[in-house]
Protein backbone atom coordinates (compact mmCIF):
# COMPACT_ATOMS: atom_id res chain seq x y z
CA MET A 1 -45.40 88.83 -94.35
CA THR A 2 -47.03 90.72 -91.66
CA THR A 3 -47.24 93.85 -90.07
CA SER A 4 -48.48 95.16 -86.96
CA SER A 5 -51.07 97.74 -87.02
CA THR A 6 -54.14 98.73 -84.16
CA ALA A 7 -57.01 97.27 -85.54
CA PRO A 8 -59.31 99.95 -87.11
CA THR A 9 -62.55 97.80 -86.29
CA GLU A 10 -62.66 97.57 -81.93
CA PRO A 11 -64.78 99.78 -81.12
CA ALA A 12 -63.84 102.40 -78.39
CA SER A 13 -66.90 103.07 -76.81
CA THR A 14 -66.76 100.10 -74.94
CA GLN A 15 -67.49 100.19 -71.02
CA PRO A 16 -64.87 98.05 -69.08
CA ALA A 17 -65.81 94.90 -67.82
CA SER A 18 -65.30 95.34 -64.56
CA THR A 19 -67.50 98.43 -64.27
CA GLN A 20 -70.86 97.37 -66.08
CA PRO A 21 -72.49 93.91 -65.67
CA ALA A 22 -72.54 92.16 -69.41
CA SER A 23 -75.10 92.80 -72.24
CA THR A 24 -76.83 89.44 -73.67
CA GLU A 25 -78.48 91.13 -76.59
CA PRO A 26 -77.23 90.24 -79.74
CA ALA A 27 -78.80 93.00 -81.51
CA SER A 28 -77.27 95.74 -80.41
CA THR A 29 -74.97 98.39 -82.40
CA GLU A 30 -72.89 98.43 -79.14
CA PRO A 31 -71.49 94.94 -78.29
CA ALA A 32 -69.94 95.23 -75.36
CA SER A 33 -71.29 98.30 -73.18
CA THR A 34 -75.18 97.86 -71.35
CA GLU A 35 -75.72 100.94 -71.10
CA PRO A 36 -79.08 102.02 -73.01
CA ALA A 37 -77.93 103.93 -76.10
CA SER A 38 -80.31 106.53 -75.57
CA THR A 39 -78.07 107.38 -72.37
CA GLU A 40 -74.81 106.75 -73.40
CA PRO A 41 -73.80 107.79 -77.09
CA ALA A 42 -71.15 106.11 -78.65
CA SER A 43 -69.28 109.40 -79.22
CA THR A 44 -69.14 110.40 -75.97
CA GLU A 45 -66.91 107.49 -74.56
CA PRO A 46 -62.39 108.57 -74.54
CA ALA A 47 -61.01 106.01 -76.52
CA SER A 48 -58.57 104.96 -73.55
CA THR A 49 -61.33 102.88 -71.99
CA GLU A 50 -60.88 99.68 -74.10
CA PRO A 51 -57.48 98.66 -74.39
CA ALA A 52 -56.10 98.28 -78.20
CA VAL A 53 -55.98 95.29 -79.65
CA THR A 54 -52.66 94.87 -81.65
CA THR A 55 -53.35 92.44 -84.61
CA ARG A 56 -51.18 91.33 -87.31
CA THR A 57 -52.63 91.24 -91.06
CA SER A 58 -51.86 88.71 -93.29
CA VAL A 59 -51.36 89.04 -97.45
CA ARG A 60 -53.76 85.34 -98.07
CA GLY A 61 -55.91 86.42 -94.61
CA SER A 62 -59.59 86.43 -95.43
CA ARG A 63 -62.56 86.37 -92.50
CA PRO A 64 -64.24 83.27 -94.63
CA VAL A 65 -60.73 81.53 -94.07
CA THR A 66 -60.78 82.73 -90.47
CA LEU A 67 -64.32 81.15 -89.73
CA ILE A 68 -63.08 77.95 -91.49
CA ALA A 69 -60.54 77.29 -89.45
CA MET A 70 -62.12 77.52 -86.01
CA CYS A 71 -64.50 75.59 -87.52
CA LEU A 72 -62.21 73.08 -88.00
CA GLY A 73 -60.71 73.36 -84.23
CA ALA A 74 -63.94 72.80 -82.64
CA MET A 75 -64.73 69.72 -84.82
CA ILE A 76 -61.89 68.34 -83.88
CA THR A 77 -61.80 68.96 -79.96
CA PHE A 78 -65.40 67.14 -80.43
CA LEU A 79 -64.79 64.26 -82.79
CA GLN A 80 -61.85 63.34 -79.99
CA ILE A 81 -64.84 62.74 -77.52
CA THR A 82 -67.12 60.66 -79.38
CA ALA A 83 -64.13 58.65 -81.23
CA THR A 84 -62.92 57.82 -78.18
CA VAL A 85 -66.71 56.44 -76.39
CA SER A 86 -67.03 54.38 -79.83
CA ALA A 87 -63.66 52.73 -79.73
CA LEU A 88 -63.65 52.21 -75.82
CA THR A 89 -64.90 48.84 -75.69
CA THR A 90 -62.29 47.97 -78.02
CA ILE A 91 -59.97 49.42 -76.05
CA GLN A 92 -60.68 47.66 -72.87
CA ALA A 93 -60.75 44.20 -74.55
CA ASP A 94 -57.28 44.41 -76.35
CA LEU A 95 -55.77 46.49 -73.29
CA ARG A 96 -57.42 44.42 -70.85
CA VAL A 97 -58.02 47.64 -69.38
CA ASP A 98 -60.35 47.09 -65.39
CA PRO A 99 -63.35 48.56 -65.08
CA THR A 100 -62.02 50.92 -62.63
CA THR A 101 -59.51 52.59 -64.96
CA VAL A 102 -61.27 52.61 -68.35
CA ILE A 103 -63.17 55.39 -67.38
CA TRP A 104 -60.59 57.65 -67.28
CA ILE A 105 -59.23 56.84 -70.95
CA PRO A 106 -62.32 59.78 -71.80
CA SER A 107 -61.99 61.32 -68.65
CA ALA A 108 -58.67 62.13 -68.77
CA TYR A 109 -59.85 64.46 -71.82
CA THR A 110 -62.43 65.85 -70.12
CA LEU A 111 -60.67 66.74 -67.11
CA VAL A 112 -57.66 68.91 -68.77
CA VAL A 113 -59.91 69.94 -71.26
CA ALA A 114 -62.43 71.69 -68.46
CA SER A 115 -59.63 72.14 -65.73
CA LEU A 116 -57.56 74.29 -68.23
CA VAL A 117 -60.05 76.20 -70.22
CA LEU A 118 -60.62 79.01 -68.70
CA SER A 119 -56.21 79.48 -67.98
CA ALA A 120 -56.06 79.10 -71.68
CA ALA A 121 -58.08 82.14 -72.46
CA THR A 122 -55.92 84.17 -70.48
CA LEU A 123 -52.49 83.21 -72.05
CA GLY A 124 -54.26 83.90 -75.55
CA ASN A 125 -54.97 87.49 -74.59
CA ARG A 126 -51.60 87.71 -73.31
CA TYR A 127 -49.38 85.97 -75.67
CA GLY A 128 -51.50 85.96 -78.90
CA ARG A 129 -54.94 83.86 -79.58
CA ARG A 130 -53.89 82.49 -82.78
CA ARG A 131 -50.42 81.76 -81.43
CA MET A 132 -52.06 79.37 -78.45
CA PHE A 133 -54.67 78.15 -81.28
CA GLY A 134 -51.99 76.54 -83.06
CA ALA A 135 -50.15 75.13 -80.15
CA GLY A 136 -53.79 73.82 -78.95
CA VAL A 137 -53.68 71.62 -82.88
CA VAL A 138 -50.08 70.44 -82.26
CA ALA A 139 -51.19 69.36 -78.83
CA MET A 140 -54.35 67.73 -80.32
CA ILE A 141 -52.16 66.09 -83.08
CA VAL A 142 -49.13 64.74 -80.56
CA GLY A 143 -52.05 63.73 -78.35
CA GLY A 144 -53.18 61.59 -80.87
CA ALA A 145 -50.33 59.94 -82.08
CA VAL A 146 -49.76 58.88 -79.02
CA VAL A 147 -52.94 57.47 -78.55
CA ALA A 148 -52.26 56.00 -81.73
CA SER A 149 -48.94 54.46 -80.86
CA ALA A 150 -49.99 53.04 -77.46
CA PRO A 151 -49.05 49.83 -76.63
CA THR A 152 -50.48 50.32 -73.00
CA VAL A 153 -53.09 52.24 -70.92
CA ALA A 154 -50.94 53.99 -69.70
CA TRP A 155 -50.01 55.67 -73.10
CA VAL A 156 -53.62 55.80 -74.05
CA LEU A 157 -53.60 58.26 -70.70
CA VAL A 158 -50.73 60.25 -71.45
CA GLY A 159 -52.20 60.38 -74.93
CA GLN A 160 -55.43 61.69 -73.68
CA LEU A 161 -54.10 64.31 -71.36
CA VAL A 162 -51.79 65.78 -73.98
CA ALA A 163 -54.80 66.21 -76.20
CA GLY A 164 -57.04 68.09 -73.22
CA LEU A 165 -54.26 70.17 -73.22
CA GLY A 166 -54.89 70.94 -77.06
CA GLY A 167 -58.74 71.18 -76.88
CA ALA A 168 -58.55 73.52 -74.27
CA LEU A 169 -56.17 76.03 -76.20
CA ILE A 170 -58.13 75.34 -78.80
CA LEU A 171 -61.92 75.91 -77.61
CA PRO A 172 -61.71 79.64 -76.19
CA ASN A 173 -58.96 81.17 -78.21
CA SER A 174 -61.17 79.94 -81.43
CA LEU A 175 -63.79 81.72 -80.26
CA ALA A 176 -61.65 84.81 -78.95
CA ILE A 177 -60.51 85.17 -82.63
CA LEU A 178 -63.89 84.91 -83.84
CA GLY A 179 -65.27 87.74 -81.81
CA ALA A 180 -62.16 89.99 -82.72
CA THR A 181 -62.34 89.22 -86.28
CA PHE A 182 -66.25 89.42 -86.26
CA THR A 183 -66.91 92.90 -84.62
CA ASP A 184 -70.38 93.63 -86.05
CA PRO A 185 -72.94 91.96 -83.76
CA HIS A 186 -74.84 90.41 -86.36
CA ARG A 187 -72.63 89.04 -88.21
CA ARG A 188 -71.01 87.66 -84.79
CA THR A 189 -73.28 85.91 -83.63
CA GLU A 190 -74.05 84.08 -86.73
CA VAL A 191 -70.69 83.00 -87.15
CA ILE A 192 -70.32 81.92 -83.63
CA THR A 193 -73.60 79.71 -83.85
CA ALA A 194 -71.68 78.16 -86.82
CA TRP A 195 -68.55 77.23 -84.88
CA SER A 196 -71.46 75.61 -82.51
CA ALA A 197 -72.75 73.93 -85.31
CA ALA A 198 -69.30 72.63 -86.20
CA SER A 199 -68.74 71.06 -82.79
CA GLY A 200 -71.70 68.80 -83.71
CA ILE A 201 -69.80 68.02 -86.83
CA GLY A 202 -67.40 66.95 -84.47
CA LEU A 203 -69.96 64.60 -82.31
CA ALA A 204 -71.02 63.23 -85.11
CA ILE A 205 -68.78 62.23 -87.07
CA GLY A 206 -66.38 60.49 -84.30
CA PRO A 207 -68.64 57.28 -84.42
CA LEU A 208 -68.99 57.22 -87.89
CA ILE A 209 -65.09 57.15 -88.44
CA ALA A 210 -64.61 55.11 -85.58
CA GLY A 211 -67.03 52.59 -86.51
CA ALA A 212 -65.63 52.34 -90.25
CA LEU A 213 -62.26 51.38 -89.16
CA LEU A 214 -63.08 49.67 -86.26
CA ARG A 215 -64.32 47.26 -89.29
CA HIS A 216 -61.05 46.48 -90.69
CA HIS A 217 -58.79 48.16 -88.76
CA SER A 218 -57.68 48.08 -84.86
CA TRP A 219 -58.73 51.03 -82.29
CA HIS A 220 -55.11 52.58 -83.21
CA SER A 221 -56.17 53.68 -85.96
CA VAL A 222 -59.21 56.00 -84.94
CA TYR A 223 -57.10 58.45 -83.74
CA LEU A 224 -55.41 59.16 -86.89
CA SER A 225 -58.51 61.38 -87.95
CA VAL A 226 -57.29 63.72 -85.18
CA ILE A 227 -53.72 63.52 -86.96
CA VAL A 228 -54.92 63.98 -90.09
CA LEU A 229 -57.89 66.86 -89.37
CA GLY A 230 -55.15 68.67 -87.00
CA VAL A 231 -52.76 69.27 -90.37
CA VAL A 232 -55.42 70.82 -92.07
CA THR A 233 -56.10 72.82 -89.45
CA LEU A 234 -52.74 74.07 -89.05
CA VAL A 235 -52.41 74.88 -92.78
CA VAL A 236 -55.93 76.71 -93.27
CA ALA A 237 -54.68 79.14 -89.94
CA ALA A 238 -51.07 79.86 -91.27
CA ILE A 239 -53.33 80.87 -94.21
CA GLY A 240 -56.35 83.09 -93.09
CA VAL A 241 -56.10 83.59 -89.10
CA VAL A 242 -55.16 87.04 -87.90
CA GLU A 243 -53.44 87.16 -85.11
CA SER A 244 -55.38 89.73 -82.10
CA ARG A 245 -54.73 90.13 -78.33
CA PRO A 246 -55.32 93.58 -76.43
CA SER A 247 -51.98 94.83 -75.32
CA ALA A 248 -49.74 93.61 -73.08
CA GLY A 249 -50.19 93.58 -69.39
CA ARG A 250 -49.20 91.44 -66.35
CA LEU A 251 -50.41 87.75 -65.97
CA ASP A 252 -52.48 87.11 -63.70
CA LEU A 253 -50.52 84.21 -62.17
CA PRO A 254 -52.31 83.43 -58.43
CA GLY A 255 -55.79 83.87 -60.88
CA LEU A 256 -54.93 81.37 -63.47
CA LEU A 257 -53.37 78.91 -60.53
CA LEU A 258 -56.19 79.22 -58.44
CA GLY A 259 -58.80 78.63 -61.39
CA THR A 260 -57.25 76.16 -62.82
CA VAL A 261 -57.09 74.15 -59.19
CA ALA A 262 -60.71 74.87 -58.25
CA ILE A 263 -61.85 73.16 -61.40
CA ALA A 264 -59.60 70.67 -62.11
CA ALA A 265 -60.59 69.33 -57.74
CA ALA A 266 -64.33 69.96 -58.93
CA VAL A 267 -64.18 68.01 -62.17
CA TYR A 268 -61.95 65.26 -60.82
CA ALA A 269 -64.76 64.80 -57.67
CA MET A 270 -67.87 64.55 -60.26
CA ILE A 271 -65.37 62.13 -62.20
CA GLN A 272 -64.26 59.81 -59.22
CA GLY A 273 -67.53 60.04 -57.29
CA GLY A 274 -69.45 58.43 -60.32
CA ARG A 275 -66.67 55.41 -59.39
CA ASP A 276 -65.90 55.58 -55.50
CA GLY A 277 -69.12 57.39 -54.40
CA TYR A 278 -69.63 61.13 -53.84
CA ALA A 279 -69.42 60.51 -50.02
CA SER A 280 -65.48 58.90 -49.93
CA PRO A 281 -63.10 60.84 -48.53
CA VAL A 282 -60.83 61.07 -51.43
CA VAL A 283 -63.81 62.87 -53.34
CA GLY A 284 -64.68 64.94 -50.05
CA ILE A 285 -61.12 65.98 -49.94
CA ALA A 286 -61.67 67.33 -54.03
CA TRP A 287 -64.38 68.77 -53.01
CA VAL A 288 -62.98 70.98 -50.12
CA VAL A 289 -59.66 71.59 -52.09
CA SER A 290 -62.27 73.13 -55.05
CA ALA A 291 -64.38 74.96 -52.56
CA VAL A 292 -61.61 76.47 -50.89
CA ALA A 293 -59.40 77.44 -54.12
CA LEU A 294 -62.61 79.04 -55.73
CA VAL A 295 -63.42 81.15 -52.66
CA THR A 296 -59.84 82.38 -52.76
CA PHE A 297 -60.15 83.12 -56.29
CA VAL A 298 -62.97 84.98 -56.34
CA LEU A 299 -61.32 87.52 -53.32
CA VAL A 300 -58.19 87.82 -55.19
CA GLU A 301 -59.96 88.38 -59.05
CA LEU A 302 -61.83 91.09 -56.99
CA ARG A 303 -58.76 92.78 -55.79
CA SER A 304 -56.65 92.62 -59.01
CA ASN A 305 -56.17 95.31 -61.86
CA ASN A 306 -56.16 92.92 -64.39
CA PRO A 307 -57.80 89.49 -63.43
CA MET A 308 -57.79 86.82 -65.68
CA LEU A 309 -62.46 86.96 -64.86
CA ASP A 310 -63.70 89.60 -63.82
CA VAL A 311 -66.01 88.07 -61.02
CA ARG A 312 -67.92 91.53 -61.42
CA LEU A 313 -70.10 90.24 -64.36
CA PHE A 314 -71.95 87.74 -62.73
CA ARG A 315 -73.71 90.57 -60.86
CA SER A 316 -75.64 90.21 -63.77
CA ALA A 317 -78.36 87.87 -63.00
CA SER A 318 -78.79 87.85 -66.65
CA PHE A 319 -75.32 86.99 -67.27
CA SER A 320 -75.10 84.49 -64.87
CA ALA A 321 -78.37 82.31 -65.90
CA VAL A 322 -76.75 82.38 -69.17
CA MET A 323 -73.67 80.49 -67.81
CA VAL A 324 -75.81 78.04 -65.83
CA VAL A 325 -77.63 77.49 -68.99
CA ALA A 326 -74.41 77.09 -71.01
CA ALA A 327 -73.11 74.12 -68.60
CA VAL A 328 -76.97 72.86 -69.00
CA SER A 329 -76.87 72.50 -73.08
CA LEU A 330 -73.50 70.70 -72.86
CA PHE A 331 -74.88 68.58 -69.83
CA GLY A 332 -77.50 67.17 -71.68
CA PHE A 333 -75.94 67.20 -74.96
CA THR A 334 -73.21 65.54 -74.28
CA GLY A 335 -74.87 62.85 -71.47
CA VAL A 336 -77.71 62.12 -73.78
CA ALA A 337 -75.51 61.15 -76.53
CA ILE A 338 -73.32 59.04 -74.49
CA LEU A 339 -76.70 57.27 -72.85
CA LEU A 340 -77.91 56.60 -76.24
CA VAL A 341 -74.73 55.23 -77.58
CA LEU A 342 -74.67 52.74 -74.64
CA PHE A 343 -78.10 51.90 -75.09
CA HIS A 344 -77.64 50.90 -78.62
CA GLU A 345 -73.93 49.40 -78.74
CA ARG A 346 -75.00 47.02 -74.96
CA ALA A 347 -78.92 47.18 -75.02
CA GLN A 348 -79.22 46.76 -78.66
CA ALA A 349 -75.97 45.03 -79.44
CA LEU A 350 -75.30 47.32 -82.00
CA SER A 351 -72.04 47.86 -83.96
CA PRO A 352 -69.91 51.16 -83.54
CA LEU A 353 -70.89 52.09 -87.06
CA ASP A 354 -74.85 51.22 -86.91
CA THR A 355 -74.65 53.10 -83.96
CA GLY A 356 -72.69 55.89 -85.67
CA TRP A 357 -75.71 56.16 -88.36
CA ARG A 358 -78.64 56.13 -85.96
CA MET A 359 -76.25 59.23 -83.71
CA LEU A 360 -76.08 60.78 -86.92
CA VAL A 361 -79.85 61.49 -86.90
CA LEU A 362 -79.50 63.54 -83.52
CA PHE A 363 -76.32 65.39 -84.68
CA GLY A 364 -77.45 66.25 -88.01
CA ALA A 365 -80.46 67.84 -86.51
CA TYR A 366 -78.30 69.78 -84.23
CA VAL A 367 -75.83 71.05 -86.56
CA LEU A 368 -78.99 72.02 -89.27
CA VAL A 369 -80.38 73.91 -86.11
CA ALA A 370 -77.66 75.64 -84.84
CA PHE A 371 -76.33 77.06 -88.22
CA ALA A 372 -79.92 78.54 -88.59
CA ALA A 373 -80.36 79.99 -85.41
CA GLY A 374 -77.74 82.90 -85.98
CA ARG A 375 -80.46 84.47 -88.08
CA THR A 376 -83.13 83.43 -85.92
CA ILE A 377 -81.45 85.16 -82.62
CA ARG A 378 -81.04 88.45 -85.03
CA ARG A 379 -85.10 88.82 -85.22
CA THR A 380 -85.97 86.90 -81.78
CA GLY A 381 -83.20 87.69 -79.47
CA PHE A 382 -81.88 85.16 -77.07
CA LYS A 383 -84.32 84.31 -74.74
CA ALA A 384 -87.35 83.07 -77.11
CA PRO A 385 -84.55 80.13 -78.70
CA LEU A 386 -83.21 79.27 -75.33
CA SER A 387 -86.28 78.77 -73.69
CA VAL A 388 -88.08 77.04 -76.38
CA GLY A 389 -84.91 74.75 -77.43
CA LEU A 390 -85.03 74.11 -73.08
CA VAL A 391 -88.56 72.86 -73.27
CA LEU A 392 -88.38 70.81 -76.84
CA GLY A 393 -85.14 69.15 -75.40
CA ALA A 394 -86.67 68.00 -72.07
CA VAL A 395 -90.18 66.84 -74.33
CA ALA A 396 -87.50 64.42 -76.42
CA SER A 397 -86.18 62.90 -73.28
CA PHE A 398 -89.18 62.10 -71.44
CA GLY A 399 -90.46 60.93 -74.72
CA LEU A 400 -86.93 58.71 -75.50
CA ALA A 401 -87.20 57.54 -71.40
CA ALA A 402 -90.79 55.49 -72.75
CA GLN A 403 -88.94 53.46 -75.32
CA GLY A 404 -88.01 50.02 -74.65
CA PRO A 405 -85.03 47.86 -75.39
CA THR A 406 -87.28 46.41 -78.30
CA THR A 407 -88.13 49.64 -79.80
CA THR A 408 -86.84 50.15 -83.39
CA PHE A 409 -85.30 52.78 -84.46
CA GLU A 410 -88.25 53.46 -87.21
CA HIS A 411 -90.02 54.33 -84.03
CA ARG A 412 -87.72 56.51 -82.34
CA TRP A 413 -85.60 58.78 -85.29
CA ALA A 414 -88.21 61.31 -84.73
CA LEU A 415 -87.18 61.76 -80.89
CA PHE A 416 -83.29 61.78 -81.98
CA ALA A 417 -84.08 64.37 -84.39
CA LEU A 418 -86.22 66.74 -81.91
CA PHE A 419 -83.45 66.63 -79.36
CA GLY A 420 -80.71 67.70 -81.58
CA ALA A 421 -82.83 70.19 -83.09
CA ALA A 422 -83.74 71.40 -79.57
CA SER A 423 -79.53 71.25 -78.33
CA GLY A 424 -79.07 73.07 -81.86
CA LEU A 425 -81.51 75.99 -80.44
CA VAL A 426 -79.54 75.99 -77.02
CA VAL A 427 -75.75 75.38 -76.84
CA ALA A 428 -75.22 77.63 -80.12
CA PRO A 429 -77.54 80.96 -78.57
CA ALA A 430 -75.64 80.14 -75.31
CA THR A 431 -72.27 80.18 -76.70
CA ALA A 432 -73.22 83.59 -78.57
CA ALA A 433 -75.15 85.17 -76.08
CA ALA A 434 -71.44 84.74 -73.70
CA LEU A 435 -69.57 86.35 -76.52
CA ALA A 436 -72.07 89.13 -77.00
CA SER A 437 -71.50 90.30 -73.79
CA VAL A 438 -68.57 91.76 -74.10
CA ALA A 439 -66.22 94.02 -76.28
CA PRO A 440 -64.56 91.99 -78.79
CA ALA A 441 -61.12 92.79 -76.67
CA GLN A 442 -62.66 91.03 -73.93
CA ALA A 443 -63.87 87.92 -75.97
CA GLY A 444 -60.98 85.77 -74.14
CA MET A 445 -62.59 86.30 -70.96
CA ALA A 446 -66.02 85.60 -71.95
CA ALA A 447 -64.78 82.72 -74.03
CA GLY A 448 -63.09 80.89 -70.98
CA ALA A 449 -66.09 81.50 -69.03
CA VAL A 450 -68.80 80.25 -71.37
CA ASN A 451 -66.28 77.34 -72.43
CA ALA A 452 -65.18 76.10 -68.91
CA SER A 453 -69.16 76.54 -67.88
CA ARG A 454 -69.68 74.05 -71.13
CA GLN A 455 -66.97 71.70 -70.29
CA VAL A 456 -68.28 71.77 -66.55
CA GLY A 457 -71.44 70.96 -68.04
CA SER A 458 -70.29 68.23 -70.16
CA VAL A 459 -68.64 66.66 -67.27
CA LEU A 460 -71.61 66.92 -65.42
CA GLY A 461 -73.50 65.11 -68.14
CA SER A 462 -71.25 62.27 -68.64
CA SER A 463 -70.43 61.50 -65.05
CA LEU A 464 -73.83 61.77 -63.30
CA LEU A 465 -75.98 59.96 -65.92
CA GLY A 466 -73.46 58.08 -66.31
CA THR A 467 -72.85 57.36 -62.47
CA LEU A 468 -77.02 56.69 -62.41
CA LEU A 469 -77.63 54.56 -64.90
CA THR A 470 -74.82 51.73 -63.83
CA THR A 471 -76.62 52.05 -60.21
CA THR A 472 -79.95 51.57 -61.81
CA MET A 473 -79.07 48.80 -63.90
CA LEU A 474 -77.48 46.85 -60.96
CA ALA A 475 -80.37 47.86 -58.69
CA ASP A 476 -82.89 46.71 -61.43
CA LEU A 477 -80.75 43.32 -62.73
CA PRO A 478 -81.73 40.88 -60.18
CA ASP A 479 -85.66 41.46 -60.65
CA ARG A 480 -84.84 41.22 -64.42
CA LEU A 481 -83.05 38.04 -64.36
CA ALA A 482 -85.38 36.41 -62.17
CA ALA A 483 -88.59 37.56 -64.47
CA HIS A 484 -86.56 35.66 -67.30
CA GLN A 485 -86.36 32.03 -64.89
CA VAL A 486 -82.41 32.43 -64.61
CA GLY A 487 -81.28 30.00 -61.78
CA GLU A 488 -79.45 31.16 -58.60
CA PRO A 489 -76.07 29.92 -59.47
CA THR A 490 -75.94 32.06 -62.75
CA ARG A 491 -77.75 34.75 -61.10
CA THR A 492 -75.16 35.41 -58.72
CA ALA A 493 -72.33 34.97 -61.82
CA VAL A 494 -74.33 37.57 -63.96
CA GLN A 495 -75.00 40.23 -61.13
CA ALA A 496 -70.57 39.65 -60.12
CA ALA A 497 -69.64 40.10 -64.08
CA VAL A 498 -71.91 43.39 -64.65
CA ALA A 499 -70.80 44.87 -61.22
CA ALA A 500 -66.81 44.18 -62.13
CA GLY A 501 -67.46 45.29 -66.18
CA ALA A 502 -66.60 41.80 -67.18
CA THR A 503 -69.19 40.61 -69.50
CA GLY A 504 -67.25 42.01 -72.83
CA ASP A 505 -68.42 39.92 -76.13
CA GLN A 506 -68.52 36.59 -73.99
CA PRO A 507 -71.55 34.68 -75.57
CA LEU A 508 -74.71 34.25 -73.23
CA PRO A 509 -78.06 32.33 -73.40
CA ASP A 510 -80.65 34.35 -74.43
CA PRO A 511 -82.89 35.15 -71.31
CA VAL A 512 -79.38 36.18 -69.50
CA ARG A 513 -79.22 38.99 -72.58
CA ALA A 514 -82.65 39.72 -72.33
CA ALA A 515 -82.82 40.66 -68.72
CA LEU A 516 -79.25 42.61 -69.10
CA ALA A 517 -81.03 44.50 -72.22
CA GLU A 518 -83.71 45.22 -70.00
CA ALA A 519 -81.42 46.34 -66.80
CA MET A 520 -79.30 48.49 -69.26
CA THR A 521 -82.69 50.25 -70.89
CA SER A 522 -83.95 50.50 -67.18
CA GLY A 523 -80.42 52.83 -66.72
CA VAL A 524 -80.72 54.63 -69.63
CA GLN A 525 -84.45 55.68 -69.33
CA ALA A 526 -83.62 56.91 -65.44
CA GLY A 527 -80.73 59.16 -67.17
CA LEU A 528 -82.91 60.33 -69.57
CA ARG A 529 -85.83 61.48 -67.01
CA ILE A 530 -83.24 63.46 -64.95
CA SER A 531 -81.89 65.44 -68.21
CA GLY A 532 -86.02 65.97 -69.18
CA ILE A 533 -86.37 67.08 -65.66
CA VAL A 534 -82.66 69.43 -65.58
CA PHE A 535 -84.00 70.79 -68.86
CA LEU A 536 -87.47 71.72 -67.81
CA VAL A 537 -85.78 73.50 -64.41
CA THR A 538 -82.97 75.75 -66.51
CA ALA A 539 -86.07 76.73 -69.42
CA VAL A 540 -88.01 78.28 -66.51
CA LEU A 541 -84.45 79.90 -65.05
CA ALA A 542 -83.71 81.06 -69.05
CA LEU A 543 -87.27 82.54 -69.18
CA THR A 544 -87.01 84.53 -66.15
CA LEU A 545 -84.07 85.46 -65.51
CA ILE A 546 -82.08 86.46 -69.15
CA ARG A 547 -82.26 89.63 -70.50
CA ASN A 548 -83.62 88.98 -74.40
CA ARG A 549 -83.02 93.02 -75.53
CA PRO A 550 -81.42 95.07 -72.48
CA HIS A 551 -81.33 97.75 -74.52
CA GLN A 552 -84.65 98.82 -75.64
CA HIS A 553 -86.87 100.08 -72.69
């Protein structure tokens, strides 16, 4: 049985986000205020400055169970990504999917998540975060069931779209629930980094589960893992999660629609541009639609009394820098992970399971460091781990880019671990920095903003680095074939097959196989170098703009 009450843990001293830029300091005793503690005591603020938070307490609910449920939700959303990437080659062969369509199998999920994640946070604030989180888990289960039983690629895409809706509902609302449940700034930072580490676990087990199931079953079985994990998450959430939401207010429908259109059009342009070219007419129209919607969104939100996103927060250079870092963290983490999976499966001809075991080194290091980052931040603040992580990520990217197609894993695993550890120092603290900057009642807004930034960064990583891989590989392939003395008729046929994505699992002569592996490696190396450059530039941004301890003077 549940009862309604006003949460006593909500601080009454917080300033509204619309009037004060957010702080990125985790160790402050005032999590939402950006005013120095010495000039703005907590006791002087009237309780009416912050909307009350309505909660329903569960008899069996507890904070540890809530944390477990939210971490399971994060795991599902990222398990869907790597499980799909690992099964992609098998899906393409079984359903005879053309190269233009196959890119949309993983991208359909990402498109919906990135487009709706900001709006999903608003819906959670309005209708209940626990309710929206549960609806998201149900959508993930339904989407997984549709893909698991899909007879055609059209049904696969439908299932991915439904699962994307689930991911969009889960990500911001799980973060908002944690922000409202753990109001102590120190403890809140730790649980948010644990949530981020759980996403790494989802990424890590995706290739392992997919590889193990693909050895004995069809690709449909891969999505049963999403269904099973979703059911477990629903049970745990029903036991332990407390409903929380600000007091009812008007839904910012114009902002919701404009924000969704702006992000959806931009994400579509990024994904489709990788296939058709970023100067194509359709992609150009998508960019224009996104830009117009974004400008209109900002104007509408500035005039709204209850905005879905208080754009005044971005007046703070530090808050804006945190959003950029959040985007770059997933740009590198997702992009590099996909590059390495493709390298192992296509350049080194490893099975999905063998690839999964190797990627476990990267994801395992990420999880361990992400868990530890919460306590580290308490002593160092945000600037040190973010800057160091970005620099180490650049070092690892450049190191991996120097490896060749015949380099054994014994000579690469240390760089895998370094990149995973570096990502753990960036992804988790960047998420925590966003939520530590606002009051618990505004956690949904911050969660939506940081998740939108993360998902856009993830799309950029997979689409831009994937496009660079393909174009570099195609440009390098003729010279590689010539170097291996492949004759002209065969050389032309191989180039045409690779451009059409039609090589598949066909047996190839050794010279052709070696040339393809080298060309693929050159594409992977190009993507890794770009990742390293982006990480270094962002490290400078984090070092110069992010305020480490704004309350201390």
